[in-house]
Protein backbone atom coordinates (compact mmCIF):
# COMPACT_ATOMS: atom_id res chain seq x y z
CA UNK A 1 -13.45 -0.91 -2.98
CA UNK A 2 -12.79 2.76 -1.80
CA UNK A 3 -9.72 3.83 -4.25
CA UNK A 4 -7.07 3.33 -1.56
CA UNK A 5 -4.63 0.52 -1.19
CA UNK A 6 -4.34 -1.43 2.14
CA UNK A 7 -2.20 -3.99 3.49
CA UNK A 8 -3.31 -7.81 3.33
CA UNK A 9 -2.08 -11.14 1.52
CA UNK A 10 -3.34 -13.38 -1.09
CA UNK A 11 -5.79 -15.72 0.18
CA UNK A 12 -6.36 -17.66 -2.90
CA UNK A 13 -6.39 -17.38 -6.47
CA UNK A 14 -9.80 -17.06 -7.96
CA UNK A 15 -11.16 -19.64 -9.53
CA UNK A 16 -11.49 -19.23 -13.47
CA UNK A 17 -9.07 -16.07 -13.52
CA UNK A 18 -5.19 -16.69 -13.56
CA UNK A 19 -5.45 -12.30 -12.95
CA UNK A 20 -7.48 -11.94 -10.03
CA UNK A 21 -6.94 -12.84 -6.40
CA UNK A 22 -9.17 -12.90 -3.34
CA UNK A 23 -7.03 -11.14 -0.89
CA UNK A 24 -7.77 -10.80 2.90
CA UNK A 25 -6.70 -7.33 4.10
CA UNK A 26 -4.47 -6.94 7.53
CA UNK A 27 -7.45 -4.52 9.23
CA UNK A 28 -10.44 -6.22 9.49
CA UNK A 29 -13.38 -4.60 10.44
CA UNK A 30 -15.38 -5.21 14.12
CA UNK A 31 -18.42 -5.12 14.10
CA UNK A 32 -20.64 -5.60 17.71
CA UNK A 33 -17.56 -6.70 19.27
CA UNK A 34 -16.55 -9.45 16.28
CA UNK A 35 -14.02 -9.65 13.74
CA UNK A 36 -15.26 -9.62 10.36
CA UNK A 37 -12.37 -10.78 7.77
CA UNK A 38 -12.38 -8.23 5.00
CA UNK A 39 -11.45 -10.04 1.80
CA UNK A 40 -12.18 -8.69 -1.69
CA UNK A 41 -11.13 -9.88 -5.20
CA UNK A 42 -8.65 -7.92 -6.80
CA UNK A 43 -6.98 -8.06 -9.85
CA UNK A 44 -3.48 -9.06 -10.30
CA UNK A 45 -2.58 -5.21 -11.82
CA UNK A 46 -3.36 -3.99 -8.36
CA UNK A 47 -1.85 -6.30 -6.63
CA UNK A 48 1.92 -5.01 -4.82
CA UNK A 49 4.35 -7.20 -2.90
CA UNK A 50 5.23 -5.16 -0.13
CA UNK A 51 8.54 -6.72 1.07
CA UNK A 52 9.53 -6.22 -2.76
CA UNK A 53 8.52 -2.74 -2.99
CA UNK A 54 9.89 -1.13 0.24
CA UNK A 55 13.29 -2.46 -0.76
CA UNK A 56 13.84 -0.55 -3.83
CA UNK A 57 16.21 2.94 -3.41
CA UNK A 58 14.13 6.11 -3.78
CA UNK A 59 14.76 9.34 -5.07
CA UNK A 60 13.12 12.55 -5.21
CA UNK A 61 10.98 11.92 -8.50
CA UNK A 62 9.96 8.51 -7.57
CA UNK A 63 6.21 7.76 -7.84
CA UNK A 64 5.35 5.56 -4.23
CA UNK A 65 2.25 4.43 -2.13
CA UNK A 66 2.62 5.43 1.12
CA UNK A 67 0.34 6.33 4.64
CA UNK A 68 -0.31 9.90 4.99
CA UNK A 69 -2.70 9.67 8.08
CA UNK A 70 -1.74 9.23 11.78
CA UNK A 71 -2.72 5.25 11.68
CA UNK A 72 -1.01 4.55 8.57
CA UNK A 73 -3.62 1.94 7.36
CA UNK A 74 -4.49 3.09 4.09
CA UNK A 75 -1.79 3.85 1.49
CA UNK A 76 -2.29 6.53 -1.59
CA UNK A 77 -0.28 7.50 -4.15
CA UNK A 78 2.08 10.62 -4.07
CA UNK A 79 5.57 11.79 -5.43
CA UNK A 80 9.16 11.96 -3.54
CA UNK A 81 9.95 15.28 -2.78
CA UNK A 82 13.36 15.06 -0.70
CA UNK A 83 15.31 12.29 1.31
CA UNK A 84 15.81 13.42 4.56
CA UNK A 85 19.08 12.16 6.38
CA UNK A 86 18.95 10.98 9.77
CA UNK A 87 19.29 13.78 12.30
CA UNK A 88 16.60 15.99 9.57
CA UNK A 89 14.12 13.19 10.14
CA UNK A 90 12.42 12.50 13.69
CA UNK A 91 13.08 8.40 13.28
CA UNK A 92 14.77 5.64 14.59
CA UNK A 93 18.34 5.22 13.75
CA UNK A 94 18.90 2.96 10.19
CA UNK A 95 15.50 4.54 8.66
CA UNK A 96 15.40 7.71 6.30
CA UNK A 97 12.65 9.71 6.04
CA UNK A 98 10.90 10.85 3.08
CA UNK A 99 8.93 13.83 2.46
CA UNK A 100 6.00 13.31 0.04
CA UNK A 101 3.19 15.02 -1.83
CA UNK A 102 0.04 13.15 -1.81
CA UNK A 103 -2.42 13.26 -4.62
CA UNK A 104 -4.68 14.88 -2.25
CA UNK A 105 -2.36 18.04 -1.73
CA UNK A 106 -0.82 17.11 1.54
CA UNK A 107 2.96 16.89 2.11
CA UNK A 108 4.25 14.40 4.91
CA UNK A 109 6.91 13.20 6.24
CA UNK A 110 7.05 9.05 6.38
CA UNK A 111 9.36 6.21 7.45
CA UNK A 112 11.41 4.89 4.05
CA UNK A 113 10.07 1.48 4.94
CA UNK A 114 6.91 2.74 4.45
CA UNK A 115 7.25 4.31 0.96
CA UNK A 116 6.60 1.62 -1.40
CA UNK A 117 7.70 2.85 -5.21
CA UNK A 118 5.73 2.30 -7.65
């Protein structure tokens, strides 16, 4: 519960609540050489369907969740400033770059398949 967004999947619905789910996060912690699963009860309004969101077309001004760090493990909110063409972006063919201004003042280029419209 650090305020960032992470990739994960729904492990199960929380009993006694139709609006809350138990999420197992993809990046689990390692403690003394043993992997510890990282799970958290999460309300439905904080869950974003990754595949659906990444297929939404983006335009300047759209609000997105996107990774701003090199490891791309944490996602944070930002605003799309520009959609980069392949020749402008340093990306593989058929991927476009998206210039995002993040909540923390950083401006970074991320792959269009990592910028999730919210």
